[in-house]
């Protein structure tokens, strides 16, 4: 993950954390209940830690868990519709950054693997040696001439 991408992810996660933490300072009927705020803040911190550790896949899993907890809190009336929407907007922004970081990391890993594969020389087959058969020494005979030693004796 590049430094700029990491900074954007962390900034978005911290922004989400600030949104959640401000809920405790709200009016008499808060847009986000105190207990829900604590649970969601804990999840935001997990996402931040994983993103900072350059683990976009883990951060995406933690982000999905955060979203799930937000849905449960909304269903239980612990989060107002307005606050739910603002938190979801922050979650989507973080998800986009994490997916970009994950894609960049995968592309870099593939490029590194390709570079390593091309840098490692594959052993070439040794050149075939042409082996010439030794020539028989026929004593200067061109193969024509007397038939000595071949076939039947002429004497008899």
C-alpha atoms as a PDB file:
ATOM      1  CA  UNK A   1       0.000   0.000   0.000  1.00  0.00           C
ATOM      2  CA  UNK A   2       1.473   3.384  -0.906  1.00  0.00           C
ATOM      3  CA  UNK A   3       1.928   6.013   1.735  1.00  0.00           C
ATOM      4  CA  UNK A   4      -0.735   8.254   0.190  1.00  0.00           C
ATOM      5  CA  UNK A   5      -3.276   5.441   0.065  1.00  0.00           C
ATOM      6  CA  UNK A   6      -2.464   4.485   3.638  1.00  0.00           C
ATOM      7  CA  UNK A   7      -2.856   8.085   4.759  1.00  0.00           C
ATOM      8  CA  UNK A   8      -6.223   8.351   3.036  1.00  0.00           C
ATOM      9  CA  UNK A   9      -7.422   5.115   4.620  1.00  0.00           C
ATOM     10  CA  UNK A  10      -6.270   6.180   8.047  1.00  0.00           C
ATOM     11  CA  UNK A  11      -7.771   9.652   7.609  1.00  0.00           C
ATOM     12  CA  UNK A  12     -11.106   8.174   6.576  1.00  0.00           C
ATOM     13  CA  UNK A  13     -11.083   5.710   9.449  1.00  0.00           C
ATOM     14  CA  UNK A  14     -10.117   8.422  11.925  1.00  0.00           C
ATOM     15  CA  UNK A  15     -12.855  10.624  10.480  1.00  0.00           C
ATOM     16  CA  UNK A  16     -15.316   7.822  11.094  1.00  0.00           C
ATOM     17  CA  UNK A  17     -13.985   7.470  14.615  1.00  0.00           C
ATOM     18  CA  UNK A  18     -14.504  11.182  15.239  1.00  0.00           C
ATOM     19  CA  UNK A  19     -18.055  10.969  13.937  1.00  0.00           C
ATOM     20  CA  UNK A  20     -18.728   8.112  16.312  1.00  0.00           C
ATOM     21  CA  UNK A  21     -17.078   9.799  19.277  1.00  0.00           C
ATOM     22  CA  UNK A  22     -19.059  13.007  18.839  1.00  0.00           C
ATOM     23  CA  UNK A  23     -22.235  11.023  19.357  1.00  0.00           C
ATOM     24  CA  UNK A  24     -21.599  10.917  23.103  1.00  0.00           C
ATOM     25  CA  UNK A  25     -21.693  14.738  23.218  1.00  0.00           C
ATOM     26  CA  UNK A  26     -25.064  15.023  21.453  1.00  0.00           C
ATOM     27  CA  UNK A  27     -28.461  16.260  22.623  1.00  0.00           C
ATOM     28  CA  UNK A  28     -30.698  14.569  25.220  1.00  0.00           C
ATOM     29  CA  UNK A  29     -31.777  11.935  22.707  1.00  0.00           C
ATOM     30  CA  UNK A  30     -28.507  11.002  21.039  1.00  0.00           C
ATOM     31  CA  UNK A  31     -28.225  10.047  17.415  1.00  0.00           C
ATOM     32  CA  UNK A  32     -25.935   7.260  18.556  1.00  0.00           C
ATOM     33  CA  UNK A  33     -26.278   5.481  21.870  1.00  0.00           C
ATOM     34  CA  UNK A  34     -23.287   5.338  24.205  1.00  0.00           C
ATOM     35  CA  UNK A  35     -22.968   1.522  24.156  1.00  0.00           C
ATOM     36  CA  UNK A  36     -23.330   1.355  20.381  1.00  0.00           C
ATOM     37  CA  UNK A  37     -20.752   4.121  20.094  1.00  0.00           C
ATOM     38  CA  UNK A  38     -18.249   2.136  22.159  1.00  0.00           C
ATOM     39  CA  UNK A  39     -18.778  -1.041  20.112  1.00  0.00           C
ATOM     40  CA  UNK A  40     -18.474   0.784  16.808  1.00  0.00           C
ATOM     41  CA  UNK A  41     -15.402   2.714  17.956  1.00  0.00           C
ATOM     42  CA  UNK A  42     -13.739  -0.569  18.847  1.00  0.00           C
ATOM     43  CA  UNK A  43     -14.397  -1.861  15.313  1.00  0.00           C
ATOM     44  CA  UNK A  44     -13.115   1.375  13.775  1.00  0.00           C
ATOM     45  CA  UNK A  45      -9.901   0.998  15.751  1.00  0.00           C
ATOM     46  CA  UNK A  46      -9.496  -2.578  14.470  1.00  0.00           C
ATOM     47  CA  UNK A  47      -9.913  -1.368  10.871  1.00  0.00           C
ATOM     48  CA  UNK A  48      -7.376   1.406  11.483  1.00  0.00           C
ATOM     49  CA  UNK A  49      -4.826  -0.968  12.995  1.00  0.00           C
ATOM     50  CA  UNK A  50      -5.133  -3.454  10.128  1.00  0.00           C
ATOM     51  CA  UNK A  51      -4.890  -0.719   7.496  1.00  0.00           C
ATOM     52  CA  UNK A  52      -1.825   0.724   9.214  1.00  0.00           C
ATOM     53  CA  UNK A  53      -0.286  -2.776   9.303  1.00  0.00           C
ATOM     54  CA  UNK A  54      -0.656  -2.893   5.509  1.00  0.00           C
ATOM     55  CA  UNK A  55      -3.318  -5.622   5.679  1.00  0.00           C
ATOM     56  CA  UNK A  56      -6.111  -4.392   3.404  1.00  0.00           C
ATOM     57  CA  UNK A  57      -7.759  -7.832   3.269  1.00  0.00           C
ATOM     58  CA  UNK A  58      -7.987  -8.009   7.056  1.00  0.00           C
ATOM     59  CA  UNK A  59      -9.144  -4.394   7.219  1.00  0.00           C
ATOM     60  CA  UNK A  60     -11.920  -5.175   4.727  1.00  0.00           C
ATOM     61  CA  UNK A  61     -13.112  -8.068   6.904  1.00  0.00           C
ATOM     62  CA  UNK A  62     -13.084  -5.817   9.982  1.00  0.00           C
ATOM     63  CA  UNK A  63     -14.909  -3.128   8.003  1.00  0.00           C
ATOM     64  CA  UNK A  64     -17.633  -5.638   7.083  1.00  0.00           C
ATOM     65  CA  UNK A  65     -17.966  -6.501  10.778  1.00  0.00           C
ATOM     66  CA  UNK A  66     -18.249  -2.784  11.588  1.00  0.00           C
ATOM     67  CA  UNK A  67     -20.988  -2.419   8.995  1.00  0.00           C
ATOM     68  CA  UNK A  68     -22.796  -5.436  10.419  1.00  0.00           C
ATOM     69  CA  UNK A  69     -22.660  -3.983  13.940  1.00  0.00           C
ATOM     70  CA  UNK A  70     -23.934  -0.667  12.613  1.00  0.00           C
ATOM     71  CA  UNK A  71     -26.922  -2.435  11.046  1.00  0.00           C
ATOM     72  CA  UNK A  72     -27.681  -4.220  14.321  1.00  0.00           C
ATOM     73  CA  UNK A  73     -27.418  -0.950  16.263  1.00  0.00           C
ATOM     74  CA  UNK A  74     -29.724   0.711  13.756  1.00  0.00           C
ATOM     75  CA  UNK A  75     -32.263  -2.101  14.032  1.00  0.00           C
ATOM     76  CA  UNK A  76     -32.157  -1.787  17.835  1.00  0.00           C
ATOM     77  CA  UNK A  77     -32.818   1.962  17.677  1.00  0.00           C
ATOM     78  CA  UNK A  78     -29.352   2.856  18.981  1.00  0.00           C
ATOM     79  CA  UNK A  79     -28.457   4.838  15.845  1.00  0.00           C
ATOM     80  CA  UNK A  80     -30.578   7.495  14.189  1.00  0.00           C
ATOM     81  CA  UNK A  81     -31.183   7.302  10.455  1.00  0.00           C
ATOM     82  CA  UNK A  82     -29.131  10.453   9.878  1.00  0.00           C
ATOM     83  CA  UNK A  83     -26.164   9.118  11.859  1.00  0.00           C
ATOM     84  CA  UNK A  84     -26.470   5.708  10.204  1.00  0.00           C
ATOM     85  CA  UNK A  85     -26.241   7.338   6.786  1.00  0.00           C
ATOM     86  CA  UNK A  86     -23.182   9.423   7.710  1.00  0.00           C
ATOM     87  CA  UNK A  87     -21.364   6.396   9.146  1.00  0.00           C
ATOM     88  CA  UNK A  88     -22.246   4.321   6.057  1.00  0.00           C
ATOM     89  CA  UNK A  89     -20.811   7.073   3.839  1.00  0.00           C
ATOM     90  CA  UNK A  90     -17.544   6.910   5.799  1.00  0.00           C
ATOM     91  CA  UNK A  91     -17.522   3.091   5.617  1.00  0.00           C
ATOM     92  CA  UNK A  92     -17.985   3.177   1.836  1.00  0.00           C
ATOM     93  CA  UNK A  93     -15.145   5.691   1.431  1.00  0.00           C
ATOM     94  CA  UNK A  94     -12.831   3.514   3.519  1.00  0.00           C
ATOM     95  CA  UNK A  95     -13.916   0.392   1.624  1.00  0.00           C
ATOM     96  CA  UNK A  96     -13.079   2.070  -1.697  1.00  0.00           C
ATOM     97  CA  UNK A  97      -9.610   3.026  -0.444  1.00  0.00           C
ATOM     98  CA  UNK A  98      -8.966  -0.445   0.958  1.00  0.00           C
ATOM     99  CA  UNK A  99     -10.065  -2.145  -2.258  1.00  0.00           C
ATOM    100  CA  UNK A 100      -7.742   0.148  -4.229  1.00  0.00           C
ATOM    101  CA  UNK A 101      -4.884  -0.627  -1.863  1.00  0.00           C
ATOM    102  CA  UNK A 102      -5.609  -4.354  -2.094  1.00  0.00           C
ATOM    103  CA  UNK A 103      -5.676  -4.246  -5.905  1.00  0.00           C
ATOM    104  CA  UNK A 104      -2.404  -2.295  -5.959  1.00  0.00           C
ATOM    105  CA  UNK A 105      -0.790  -4.797  -3.604  1.00  0.00           C
ATOM    106  CA  UNK A 106      -1.969  -7.720  -5.735  1.00  0.00           C
ATOM    107  CA  UNK A 107      -0.715  -6.050  -8.928  1.00  0.00           C
ATOM    108  CA  UNK A 108       2.656  -5.385  -7.303  1.00  0.00           C
ATOM    109  CA  UNK A 109       2.893  -8.984  -6.100  1.00  0.00           C
ATOM    110  CA  UNK A 110       2.085 -10.259  -9.592  1.00  0.00           C
ATOM    111  CA  UNK A 111       4.660  -7.925 -11.148  1.00  0.00           C
ATOM    112  CA  UNK A 112       7.269  -9.004  -8.603  1.00  0.00           C
ATOM    113  CA  UNK A 113       6.537 -12.660  -9.295  1.00  0.00           C
ATOM    114  CA  UNK A 114       6.807 -12.096 -13.041  1.00  0.00           C
ATOM    115  CA  UNK A 115      10.075 -10.220 -12.593  1.00  0.00           C
ATOM    116  CA  UNK A 116      11.461 -12.979 -10.392  1.00  0.00           C
ATOM    117  CA  UNK A 117      10.429 -15.616 -12.911  1.00  0.00           C
ATOM    118  CA  UNK A 118      12.095 -13.777 -15.790  1.00  0.00           C
ATOM    119  CA  UNK A 119      15.207 -13.024 -13.750  1.00  0.00           C
ATOM    120  CA  UNK A 120      15.717 -16.668 -12.824  1.00  0.00           C
ATOM    121  CA  UNK A 121      17.402 -18.252 -15.815  1.00  0.00           C
ATOM    122  CA  UNK A 122      15.964 -21.524 -16.872  1.00  0.00           C
ATOM    123  CA  UNK A 123      18.678 -24.078 -17.508  1.00  0.00           C
ATOM    124  CA  UNK A 124      19.149 -24.435 -21.223  1.00  0.00           C
ATOM    125  CA  UNK A 125      19.572 -27.859 -22.731  1.00  0.00           C
ATOM    126  CA  UNK A 126      23.250 -28.525 -23.365  1.00  0.00           C
ATOM    127  CA  UNK A 127      24.148 -28.278 -27.019  1.00  0.00           C
ATOM    128  CA  UNK A 128      24.109 -31.615 -28.737  1.00  0.00           C
ATOM    129  CA  UNK A 129      27.599 -32.793 -29.503  1.00  0.00           C
ATOM    130  CA  UNK A 130      28.067 -34.282 -32.897  1.00  0.00           C
ATOM    131  CA  UNK A 131      29.889 -37.522 -32.431  1.00  0.00           C
ATOM    132  CA  UNK A 132      31.552 -38.818 -35.513  1.00  0.00           C
ATOM    133  CA  UNK A 133      32.076 -42.515 -35.817  1.00  0.00           C
ATOM    134  CA  UNK A 134      35.693 -43.466 -36.275  1.00  0.00           C
ATOM    135  CA  UNK A 135      36.506 -44.434 -39.825  1.00  0.00           C
ATOM    136  CA  UNK A 136      37.832 -47.902 -40.514  1.00  0.00           C
ATOM    137  CA  UNK A 137      41.270 -47.980 -41.844  1.00  0.00           C
ATOM    138  CA  UNK A 138      41.014 -49.935 -45.054  1.00  0.00           C
ATOM    139  CA  UNK A 139      44.698 -49.556 -45.767  1.00  0.00           C
ATOM    140  CA  UNK A 140      44.211 -47.157 -48.596  1.00  0.00           C
ATOM    141  CA  UNK A 141      41.952 -49.576 -50.388  1.00  0.00           C
ATOM    142  CA  UNK A 142      39.081 -47.903 -52.063  1.00  0.00           C
ATOM    143  CA  UNK A 143      36.965 -50.984 -51.758  1.00  0.00           C
ATOM    144  CA  UNK A 144      37.727 -52.150 -55.290  1.00  0.00           C
ATOM    145  CA  UNK A 145      40.332 -54.511 -56.288  1.00  0.00           C
ATOM    146  CA  UNK A 146      41.343 -57.990 -55.377  1.00  0.00           C
ATOM    147  CA  UNK A 147      39.062 -60.156 -53.423  1.00  0.00           C
ATOM    148  CA  UNK A 148      41.625 -61.530 -51.101  1.00  0.00           C
ATOM    149  CA  UNK A 149      40.174 -63.045 -48.014  1.00  0.00           C
ATOM    150  CA  UNK A 150      36.671 -62.952 -49.272  1.00  0.00           C
ATOM    151  CA  UNK A 151      34.627 -65.841 -50.354  1.00  0.00           C
ATOM    152  CA  UNK A 152      36.138 -69.129 -51.584  1.00  0.00           C
ATOM    153  CA  UNK A 153      39.766 -69.680 -52.276  1.00  0.00           C
ATOM    154  CA  UNK A 154      40.667 -69.485 -55.909  1.00  0.00           C
ATOM    155  CA  UNK A 155      42.947 -72.434 -55.619  1.00  0.00           C
ATOM    156  CA  UNK A 156      40.544 -74.882 -55.145  1.00  0.00           C
END
